[in-house]
Amino acid sequence: MLSKRIVSSIILISIIATAVFVRPVFNIAMVLFTAIGLYEFFSMIEKKQINIYKYVGIGIGTLIPLSVIMRFEPTKSWEFLFMVLMLLFLFLMQFRRRQGSGVVVGISTTIFGVLYVAWFFSFLIKIRYLDNGINLFIALLVITKLGDIGAYLIGSRFGKTPFIPAISPKKSVEGAIAGLIFSVLGAFACRTILGFNYLDLALIGLGLGIIGQLGDLSESLVKRDCQVKDSGNILPGMGGILDEIDSVLFTAPVFYFYLIIIGR
């Protein structure tokens, strides 16, 4: 399992490393990751026998990163316009089904999946397109994923105290603390490309570390509700795409708005 995880990690890192510096590759990778993540999410939800709009949701969700890439912004708050149009379209789809049961759950779950996976993930593209976007993108991934790595390595080796066993039995307090420390160290390692002082870096690392773990726990909550171990099996030893981007789904929007607020 460890060897498979290492191979999958190397392949994934290679793809991301190439994508960061080659914009066409980056755009394609972001759209594909979004589509696969949506497919994995809706596939999990189907196990609960909920009548969702799986492929409609994937199609609509994929339009979000494409809209960001193409700079398609007809209004200042185009995302909200997009969500309103999506809601209307889903109601029209429901009229075609001519079924009254499960309407609220089916439509709500479809919209939630699009927001959770596609919209949150699109902030990675927005960060990449900022001034100094390559460095900011790299810093976000380093801080977030080092937290994941630290939590996994220390938690699997020294973890003894359950963190939130009702959600994720394997996660430990020791792993969670290690994850925060690794995130702070990751922020320190990015000092040159971020240009912040050590106090700001420590706060950024700690903040993103906490948010990243919330993202990880949130996906664990969804998987437990759907009674699945992994979101998919596209990455041997690691699970699915959604398993690997769950923490970034939460840290990317937070980091983006932080950068906008401080004027970076």
C-alpha atoms as a PDB file:
ATOM      1  CA  MET A   1       0.000   0.000   0.000  1.00  0.00           C
ATOM      2  CA  LEU A   2       2.811   2.407   0.876  1.00  0.00           C
ATOM      3  CA  SER A   3       4.631   1.710  -2.388  1.00  0.00           C
ATOM      4  CA  LYS A   4       1.432   2.346  -4.360  1.00  0.00           C
ATOM      5  CA  ARG A   5       0.889   5.553  -2.426  1.00  0.00           C
ATOM      6  CA  ILE A   6       4.418   6.745  -3.219  1.00  0.00           C
ATOM      7  CA  VAL A   7       4.046   6.000  -6.941  1.00  0.00           C
ATOM      8  CA  SER A   8       0.665   7.754  -7.083  1.00  0.00           C
ATOM      9  CA  SER A   9       2.104  10.736  -5.194  1.00  0.00           C
ATOM     10  CA  ILE A  10       5.022  11.037  -7.620  1.00  0.00           C
ATOM     11  CA  ILE A  11       2.693  10.929 -10.626  1.00  0.00           C
ATOM     12  CA  LEU A  12       0.305  13.474  -9.106  1.00  0.00           C
ATOM     13  CA  ILE A  13       3.121  15.821  -8.082  1.00  0.00           C
ATOM     14  CA  SER A  14       4.649  15.575 -11.554  1.00  0.00           C
ATOM     15  CA  ILE A  15       1.345  16.525 -13.180  1.00  0.00           C
ATOM     16  CA  ILE A  16       0.836  19.470 -10.828  1.00  0.00           C
ATOM     17  CA  ALA A  17       4.464  20.645 -11.162  1.00  0.00           C
ATOM     18  CA  THR A  18       4.132  20.689 -14.940  1.00  0.00           C
ATOM     19  CA  ALA A  19       0.711  22.309 -14.854  1.00  0.00           C
ATOM     20  CA  VAL A  20       1.810  25.155 -12.591  1.00  0.00           C
ATOM     21  CA  PHE A  21       4.285  26.486 -15.136  1.00  0.00           C
ATOM     22  CA  VAL A  22       2.452  25.606 -18.370  1.00  0.00           C
ATOM     23  CA  ARG A  23      -0.886  27.408 -18.472  1.00  0.00           C
ATOM     24  CA  PRO A  24      -2.638  25.214 -21.094  1.00  0.00           C
ATOM     25  CA  VAL A  25      -1.705  22.100 -19.104  1.00  0.00           C
ATOM     26  CA  PHE A  26      -2.862  23.835 -15.920  1.00  0.00           C
ATOM     27  CA  ASN A  27      -6.236  24.719 -17.444  1.00  0.00           C
ATOM     28  CA  ILE A  28      -6.819  21.180 -18.702  1.00  0.00           C
ATOM     29  CA  ALA A  29      -5.743  19.660 -15.369  1.00  0.00           C
ATOM     30  CA  MET A  30      -8.071  21.932 -13.352  1.00  0.00           C
ATOM     31  CA  VAL A  31     -11.073  21.106 -15.542  1.00  0.00           C
ATOM     32  CA  LEU A  32     -10.322  17.364 -15.427  1.00  0.00           C
ATOM     33  CA  PHE A  33      -9.796  17.369 -11.652  1.00  0.00           C
ATOM     34  CA  THR A  34     -13.104  19.203 -11.247  1.00  0.00           C
ATOM     35  CA  ALA A  35     -14.998  16.768 -13.481  1.00  0.00           C
ATOM     36  CA  ILE A  36     -13.487  13.702 -11.789  1.00  0.00           C
ATOM     37  CA  GLY A  37     -14.093  15.157  -8.326  1.00  0.00           C
ATOM     38  CA  LEU A  38     -17.729  15.813  -9.198  1.00  0.00           C
ATOM     39  CA  TYR A  39     -18.124  12.295 -10.615  1.00  0.00           C
ATOM     40  CA  GLU A  40     -16.685  10.797  -7.417  1.00  0.00           C
ATOM     41  CA  PHE A  41     -18.904  12.950  -5.198  1.00  0.00           C
ATOM     42  CA  PHE A  42     -22.121  12.156  -7.041  1.00  0.00           C
ATOM     43  CA  SER A  43     -21.170   8.467  -7.239  1.00  0.00           C
ATOM     44  CA  MET A  44     -20.894   8.402  -3.444  1.00  0.00           C
ATOM     45  CA  ILE A  45     -24.262  10.122  -3.082  1.00  0.00           C
ATOM     46  CA  GLU A  46     -25.893   7.571  -5.387  1.00  0.00           C
ATOM     47  CA  LYS A  47     -25.082   4.890  -2.813  1.00  0.00           C
ATOM     48  CA  LYS A  48     -27.626   6.591  -0.553  1.00  0.00           C
ATOM     49  CA  GLN A  49     -30.340   6.003  -3.178  1.00  0.00           C
ATOM     50  CA  ILE A  50     -30.835   9.736  -3.705  1.00  0.00           C
ATOM     51  CA  ASN A  51     -32.227  10.739  -7.108  1.00  0.00           C
ATOM     52  CA  ILE A  52     -29.607  13.328  -8.026  1.00  0.00           C
ATOM     53  CA  TYR A  53     -28.820  14.858 -11.410  1.00  0.00           C
ATOM     54  CA  LYS A  54     -25.385  13.297 -11.679  1.00  0.00           C
ATOM     55  CA  TYR A  55     -24.316  14.123 -15.210  1.00  0.00           C
ATOM     56  CA  VAL A  56     -26.172  17.420 -15.274  1.00  0.00           C
ATOM     57  CA  GLY A  57     -24.309  18.346 -12.094  1.00  0.00           C
ATOM     58  CA  ILE A  58     -20.982  17.316 -13.617  1.00  0.00           C
ATOM     59  CA  GLY A  59     -21.706  19.315 -16.768  1.00  0.00           C
ATOM     60  CA  ILE A  60     -22.826  22.422 -14.898  1.00  0.00           C
ATOM     61  CA  GLY A  61     -19.979  22.128 -12.384  1.00  0.00           C
ATOM     62  CA  THR A  62     -17.374  21.868 -15.123  1.00  0.00           C
ATOM     63  CA  LEU A  63     -18.613  25.161 -16.547  1.00  0.00           C
ATOM     64  CA  ILE A  64     -17.399  26.971 -13.409  1.00  0.00           C
ATOM     65  CA  PRO A  65     -13.634  26.399 -13.909  1.00  0.00           C
ATOM     66  CA  LEU A  66     -14.116  26.948 -17.635  1.00  0.00           C
ATOM     67  CA  SER A  67     -15.799  30.289 -16.888  1.00  0.00           C
ATOM     68  CA  VAL A  68     -12.875  31.359 -14.712  1.00  0.00           C
ATOM     69  CA  ILE A  69     -10.347  30.241 -17.329  1.00  0.00           C
ATOM     70  CA  MET A  70     -12.179  32.053 -20.136  1.00  0.00           C
ATOM     71  CA  ARG A  71     -12.674  35.138 -17.923  1.00  0.00           C
ATOM     72  CA  PHE A  72     -16.418  34.880 -18.515  1.00  0.00           C
ATOM     73  CA  GLU A  73     -17.841  37.381 -16.012  1.00  0.00           C
ATOM     74  CA  PRO A  74     -21.050  38.976 -17.351  1.00  0.00           C
ATOM     75  CA  THR A  75     -21.832  40.437 -13.912  1.00  0.00           C
ATOM     76  CA  LYS A  76     -19.764  41.378 -10.860  1.00  0.00           C
ATOM     77  CA  SER A  77     -21.326  38.519  -8.914  1.00  0.00           C
ATOM     78  CA  TRP A  78     -21.577  36.117 -11.826  1.00  0.00           C
ATOM     79  CA  GLU A  79     -21.241  33.071  -9.584  1.00  0.00           C
ATOM     80  CA  PHE A  80     -24.557  33.864  -7.903  1.00  0.00           C
ATOM     81  CA  LEU A  81     -26.235  34.439 -11.266  1.00  0.00           C
ATOM     82  CA  PHE A  82     -24.815  31.090 -12.318  1.00  0.00           C
ATOM     83  CA  MET A  83     -26.289  29.378  -9.238  1.00  0.00           C
ATOM     84  CA  VAL A  84     -29.723  30.925  -9.824  1.00  0.00           C
ATOM     85  CA  LEU A  85     -29.744  29.750 -13.440  1.00  0.00           C
ATOM     86  CA  MET A  86     -28.590  26.296 -12.312  1.00  0.00           C
ATOM     87  CA  LEU A  87     -31.454  26.094  -9.800  1.00  0.00           C
ATOM     88  CA  LEU A  88     -33.993  27.058 -12.460  1.00  0.00           C
ATOM     89  CA  PHE A  89     -32.537  24.500 -14.871  1.00  0.00           C
ATOM     90  CA  LEU A  90     -32.714  21.726 -12.263  1.00  0.00           C
ATOM     91  CA  PHE A  91     -36.380  22.536 -11.611  1.00  0.00           C
ATOM     92  CA  LEU A  92     -37.036  22.266 -15.341  1.00  0.00           C
ATOM     93  CA  MET A  93     -35.280  18.891 -15.311  1.00  0.00           C
ATOM     94  CA  GLN A  94     -37.503  17.827 -12.426  1.00  0.00           C
ATOM     95  CA  PHE A  95     -40.624  18.781 -14.389  1.00  0.00           C
ATOM     96  CA  ARG A  96     -39.513  16.326 -17.081  1.00  0.00           C
ATOM     97  CA  ARG A  97     -39.230  13.535 -14.523  1.00  0.00           C
ATOM     98  CA  ARG A  98     -42.785  14.138 -13.372  1.00  0.00           C
ATOM     99  CA  GLN A  99     -41.956  12.752  -9.957  1.00  0.00           C
ATOM    100  CA  GLY A 100     -42.866  14.598  -6.778  1.00  0.00           C
ATOM    101  CA  SER A 101     -40.895  12.564  -4.247  1.00  0.00           C
ATOM    102  CA  GLY A 102     -37.325  13.414  -3.315  1.00  0.00           C
ATOM    103  CA  VAL A 103     -37.314  16.718  -5.210  1.00  0.00           C
ATOM    104  CA  VAL A 104     -35.841  18.851  -2.432  1.00  0.00           C
ATOM    105  CA  VAL A 105     -33.142  16.347  -1.503  1.00  0.00           C
ATOM    106  CA  GLY A 106     -32.187  15.603  -5.114  1.00  0.00           C
ATOM    107  CA  ILE A 107     -31.905  19.233  -6.221  1.00  0.00           C
ATOM    108  CA  SER A 108     -30.270  20.402  -2.983  1.00  0.00           C
ATOM    109  CA  THR A 109     -27.662  17.637  -3.091  1.00  0.00           C
ATOM    110  CA  THR A 110     -26.831  18.362  -6.727  1.00  0.00           C
ATOM    111  CA  ILE A 111     -26.330  22.062  -5.996  1.00  0.00           C
ATOM    112  CA  PHE A 112     -24.297  21.248  -2.897  1.00  0.00           C
ATOM    113  CA  GLY A 113     -21.987  19.010  -4.937  1.00  0.00           C
ATOM    114  CA  VAL A 114     -21.406  21.740  -7.521  1.00  0.00           C
ATOM    115  CA  LEU A 115     -20.683  24.322  -4.817  1.00  0.00           C
ATOM    116  CA  TYR A 116     -18.527  22.029  -2.699  1.00  0.00           C
ATOM    117  CA  VAL A 117     -16.376  20.586  -5.484  1.00  0.00           C
ATOM    118  CA  ALA A 118     -16.500  22.879  -8.521  1.00  0.00           C
ATOM    119  CA  TRP A 119     -16.898  26.338  -7.000  1.00  0.00           C
ATOM    120  CA  PHE A 120     -14.463  25.818  -4.123  1.00  0.00           C
ATOM    121  CA  PHE A 121     -11.900  24.222  -6.445  1.00  0.00           C
ATOM    122  CA  SER A 122     -12.181  27.115  -8.922  1.00  0.00           C
ATOM    123  CA  PHE A 123     -10.435  29.362  -6.390  1.00  0.00           C
ATOM    124  CA  LEU A 124      -7.214  27.526  -7.192  1.00  0.00           C
ATOM    125  CA  ILE A 125      -7.507  28.874 -10.730  1.00  0.00           C
ATOM    126  CA  LYS A 126      -8.242  32.375  -9.425  1.00  0.00           C
ATOM    127  CA  ILE A 127      -5.123  32.232  -7.244  1.00  0.00           C
ATOM    128  CA  ARG A 128      -2.998  31.050 -10.174  1.00  0.00           C
ATOM    129  CA  TYR A 129      -4.249  33.997 -12.269  1.00  0.00           C
ATOM    130  CA  LEU A 130      -3.326  36.623  -9.644  1.00  0.00           C
ATOM    131  CA  ASP A 131      -0.141  38.672  -9.904  1.00  0.00           C
ATOM    132  CA  ASN A 132       2.666  36.411  -8.687  1.00  0.00           C
ATOM    133  CA  GLY A 133       0.085  33.649  -9.014  1.00  0.00           C
ATOM    134  CA  ILE A 134       2.543  30.817  -9.586  1.00  0.00           C
ATOM    135  CA  ASN A 135       4.296  31.474  -6.265  1.00  0.00           C
ATOM    136  CA  LEU A 136       1.000  31.936  -4.421  1.00  0.00           C
ATOM    137  CA  PHE A 137      -0.359  28.696  -5.899  1.00  0.00           C
ATOM    138  CA  ILE A 138       2.775  26.776  -4.909  1.00  0.00           C
ATOM    139  CA  ALA A 139       2.701  28.244  -1.386  1.00  0.00           C
ATOM    140  CA  LEU A 140      -0.929  27.226  -0.881  1.00  0.00           C
ATOM    141  CA  LEU A 141      -0.248  23.646  -1.956  1.00  0.00           C
ATOM    142  CA  VAL A 142       2.934  23.380   0.123  1.00  0.00           C
ATOM    143  CA  ILE A 143       1.266  24.673   3.291  1.00  0.00           C
ATOM    144  CA  THR A 144      -1.905  22.612   2.847  1.00  0.00           C
ATOM    145  CA  LYS A 145      -0.388  19.337   1.682  1.00  0.00           C
ATOM    146  CA  LEU A 146       2.495  19.411   4.171  1.00  0.00           C
ATOM    147  CA  GLY A 147      -0.198  19.568   6.835  1.00  0.00           C
ATOM    148  CA  ASP A 148      -1.827  16.479   5.315  1.00  0.00           C
ATOM    149  CA  ILE A 149       1.511  14.670   5.120  1.00  0.00           C
ATOM    150  CA  GLY A 150       2.483  15.560   8.689  1.00  0.00           C
ATOM    151  CA  ALA A 151      -0.871  14.434  10.054  1.00  0.00           C
ATOM    152  CA  TYR A 152      -0.641  11.139   8.152  1.00  0.00           C
ATOM    153  CA  LEU A 153       2.991  10.308   8.998  1.00  0.00           C
ATOM    154  CA  ILE A 154       2.886  11.221  12.680  1.00  0.00           C
ATOM    155  CA  GLY A 155      -0.676  10.065  13.212  1.00  0.00           C
ATOM    156  CA  SER A 156      -0.120   6.625  11.670  1.00  0.00           C
ATOM    157  CA  ARG A 157       3.107   6.133  13.635  1.00  0.00           C
ATOM    158  CA  PHE A 158       2.481   7.787  17.002  1.00  0.00           C
ATOM    159  CA  GLY A 159      -1.255   8.506  17.065  1.00  0.00           C
ATOM    160  CA  LYS A 160      -2.933   7.069  20.160  1.00  0.00           C
ATOM    161  CA  THR A 161      -5.589   9.597  21.154  1.00  0.00           C
ATOM    162  CA  PRO A 162      -8.688   9.568  18.896  1.00  0.00           C
ATOM    163  CA  PHE A 163      -9.499  13.004  17.498  1.00  0.00           C
ATOM    164  CA  ILE A 164     -13.124  12.746  16.340  1.00  0.00           C
ATOM    165  CA  PRO A 165     -13.772   8.982  16.160  1.00  0.00           C
ATOM    166  CA  ALA A 166     -17.436   9.450  15.207  1.00  0.00           C
ATOM    167  CA  ILE A 167     -16.292  11.004  11.913  1.00  0.00           C
ATOM    168  CA  SER A 168     -12.861   9.496  11.233  1.00  0.00           C
ATOM    169  CA  PRO A 169     -11.704   6.753  13.650  1.00  0.00           C
ATOM    170  CA  LYS A 170      -8.132   6.706  12.299  1.00  0.00           C
ATOM    171  CA  LYS A 171      -7.422  10.399  12.906  1.00  0.00           C
ATOM    172  CA  SER A 172      -5.649  11.227  16.153  1.00  0.00           C
ATOM    173  CA  VAL A 173      -4.935  14.288  18.261  1.00  0.00           C
ATOM    174  CA  GLU A 174      -1.218  13.675  17.772  1.00  0.00           C
ATOM    175  CA  GLY A 175      -1.664  13.628  14.010  1.00  0.00           C
ATOM    176  CA  ALA A 176      -3.777  16.796  14.061  1.00  0.00           C
ATOM    177  CA  ILE A 177      -1.150  18.686  16.088  1.00  0.00           C
ATOM    178  CA  ALA A 178       1.621  17.420  13.808  1.00  0.00           C
ATOM    179  CA  GLY A 179      -0.376  18.554  10.789  1.00  0.00           C
ATOM    180  CA  LEU A 180      -0.584  22.094  12.162  1.00  0.00           C
ATOM    181  CA  ILE A 181       3.152  22.139  12.893  1.00  0.00           C
ATOM    182  CA  PHE A 182       3.963  20.921   9.389  1.00  0.00           C
ATOM    183  CA  SER A 183       1.670  23.587   7.889  1.00  0.00           C
ATOM    184  CA  VAL A 184       3.486  26.313   9.831  1.00  0.00           C
ATOM    185  CA  LEU A 185       6.844  24.893   8.725  1.00  0.00           C
ATOM    186  CA  GLY A 186       5.532  24.862   5.166  1.00  0.00           C
ATOM    187  CA  ALA A 187       4.636  28.548   5.487  1.00  0.00           C
ATOM    188  CA  PHE A 188       8.141  29.299   6.785  1.00  0.00           C
ATOM    189  CA  ALA A 189       9.599  27.418   3.809  1.00  0.00           C
ATOM    190  CA  CYS A 190       7.620  29.719   1.505  1.00  0.00           C
ATOM    191  CA  ARG A 191       8.921  32.924   3.106  1.00  0.00           C
ATOM    192  CA  THR A 192      10.948  33.891   0.043  1.00  0.00           C
ATOM    193  CA  ILE A 193       8.082  33.538  -2.417  1.00  0.00           C
ATOM    194  CA  LEU A 194       5.424  35.009  -0.119  1.00  0.00           C
ATOM    195  CA  GLY A 195       7.468  37.870   1.326  1.00  0.00           C
ATOM    196  CA  PHE A 196       5.758  37.903   4.724  1.00  0.00           C
ATOM    197  CA  ASN A 197       7.456  38.151   8.113  1.00  0.00           C
ATOM    198  CA  TYR A 198       7.663  35.094  10.347  1.00  0.00           C
ATOM    199  CA  LEU A 199       4.727  36.118  12.554  1.00  0.00           C
ATOM    200  CA  ASP A 200       2.420  36.498   9.552  1.00  0.00           C
ATOM    201  CA  LEU A 201       3.713  33.231   8.109  1.00  0.00           C
ATOM    202  CA  ALA A 202       3.036  31.423  11.388  1.00  0.00           C
ATOM    203  CA  LEU A 203      -0.530  32.761  11.459  1.00  0.00           C
ATOM    204  CA  ILE A 204      -1.069  31.855   7.793  1.00  0.00           C
ATOM    205  CA  GLY A 205       0.325  28.356   8.339  1.00  0.00           C
ATOM    206  CA  LEU A 206      -1.755  27.829  11.464  1.00  0.00           C
ATOM    207  CA  GLY A 207      -4.919  29.212   9.873  1.00  0.00           C
ATOM    208  CA  LEU A 208      -4.630  27.222   6.660  1.00  0.00           C
ATOM    209  CA  GLY A 209      -3.623  24.149   8.674  1.00  0.00           C
ATOM    210  CA  ILE A 210      -6.832  24.335  10.703  1.00  0.00           C
ATOM    211  CA  ILE A 211      -8.988  25.047   7.632  1.00  0.00           C
ATOM    212  CA  GLY A 212      -7.310  22.198   5.736  1.00  0.00           C
ATOM    213  CA  GLN A 213      -8.076  19.725   8.506  1.00  0.00           C
ATOM    214  CA  LEU A 214     -11.693  20.915   8.536  1.00  0.00           C
ATOM    215  CA  GLY A 215     -11.805  20.177   4.816  1.00  0.00           C
ATOM    216  CA  ASP A 216     -10.397  16.706   5.379  1.00  0.00           C
ATOM    217  CA  LEU A 217     -12.869  16.005   8.185  1.00  0.00           C
ATOM    218  CA  SER A 218     -15.756  17.323   6.089  1.00  0.00           C
ATOM    219  CA  GLU A 219     -15.048  14.851   3.303  1.00  0.00           C
ATOM    220  CA  SER A 220     -14.666  12.093   5.901  1.00  0.00           C
ATOM    221  CA  LEU A 221     -18.118  13.042   7.186  1.00  0.00           C
ATOM    222  CA  VAL A 222     -19.579  12.705   3.681  1.00  0.00           C
ATOM    223  CA  LYS A 223     -17.826   9.357   3.092  1.00  0.00           C
ATOM    224  CA  ARG A 224     -19.036   7.992   6.425  1.00  0.00           C
ATOM    225  CA  ASP A 225     -22.589   9.034   5.638  1.00  0.00           C
ATOM    226  CA  CYS A 226     -22.316   7.310   2.245  1.00  0.00           C
ATOM    227  CA  GLN A 227     -20.558   4.316   3.863  1.00  0.00           C
ATOM    228  CA  VAL A 228     -17.511   4.338   1.590  1.00  0.00           C
ATOM    229  CA  LYS A 229     -13.826   4.204   2.480  1.00  0.00           C
ATOM    230  CA  ASP A 230     -12.516   6.303  -0.415  1.00  0.00           C
ATOM    231  CA  SER A 231     -14.162   8.654  -2.887  1.00  0.00           C
ATOM    232  CA  GLY A 232     -12.681   6.624  -5.751  1.00  0.00           C
ATOM    233  CA  ASN A 233      -9.788   4.411  -6.819  1.00  0.00           C
ATOM    234  CA  ILE A 234      -8.160   6.411  -9.599  1.00  0.00           C
ATOM    235  CA  LEU A 235      -5.018   6.864  -7.444  1.00  0.00           C
ATOM    236  CA  PRO A 236      -3.805   3.437  -6.184  1.00  0.00           C
ATOM    237  CA  GLY A 237      -2.975   3.557  -2.496  1.00  0.00           C
ATOM    238  CA  MET A 238      -4.468   7.028  -2.116  1.00  0.00           C
ATOM    239  CA  GLY A 239      -8.095   6.723  -3.216  1.00  0.00           C
ATOM    240  CA  GLY A 240      -9.791   9.233  -5.452  1.00  0.00           C
ATOM    241  CA  ILE A 241      -9.139  12.768  -6.621  1.00  0.00           C
ATOM    242  CA  LEU A 242     -11.595  14.089  -4.056  1.00  0.00           C
ATOM    243  CA  ASP A 243      -9.593  12.381  -1.305  1.00  0.00           C
ATOM    244  CA  GLU A 244      -6.519  14.366  -2.349  1.00  0.00           C
ATOM    245  CA  ILE A 245      -8.123  17.766  -2.850  1.00  0.00           C
ATOM    246  CA  ASP A 246     -10.501  17.750   0.141  1.00  0.00           C
ATOM    247  CA  SER A 247      -8.256  19.982   2.263  1.00  0.00           C
ATOM    248  CA  VAL A 248      -7.444  22.319  -0.647  1.00  0.00           C
ATOM    249  CA  LEU A 249     -11.163  22.770  -1.337  1.00  0.00           C
ATOM    250  CA  PHE A 250     -11.377  24.689   1.953  1.00  0.00           C
ATOM    251  CA  THR A 251      -7.984  26.417   2.044  1.00  0.00           C
ATOM    252  CA  ALA A 252      -8.122  27.810  -1.520  1.00  0.00           C
ATOM    253  CA  PRO A 253     -11.154  30.127  -1.004  1.00  0.00           C
ATOM    254  CA  VAL A 254      -9.864  31.282   2.385  1.00  0.00           C
ATOM    255  CA  PHE A 255      -6.379  32.004   1.031  1.00  0.00           C
ATOM    256  CA  TYR A 256      -7.804  33.771  -2.028  1.00  0.00           C
ATOM    257  CA  PHE A 257     -10.012  36.136  -0.013  1.00  0.00           C
ATOM    258  CA  TYR A 258      -7.149  36.758   2.417  1.00  0.00           C
ATOM    259  CA  LEU A 259      -4.939  37.823  -0.478  1.00  0.00           C
ATOM    260  CA  ILE A 260      -7.677  40.063  -1.889  1.00  0.00           C
ATOM    261  CA  ILE A 261      -8.283  41.713   1.497  1.00  0.00           C
ATOM    262  CA  ILE A 262      -4.594  42.534   2.042  1.00  0.00           C
ATOM    263  CA  GLY A 263      -4.260  43.687  -1.543  1.00  0.00           C
ATOM    264  CA  ARG A 264      -1.838  41.064  -2.859  1.00  0.00           C
END
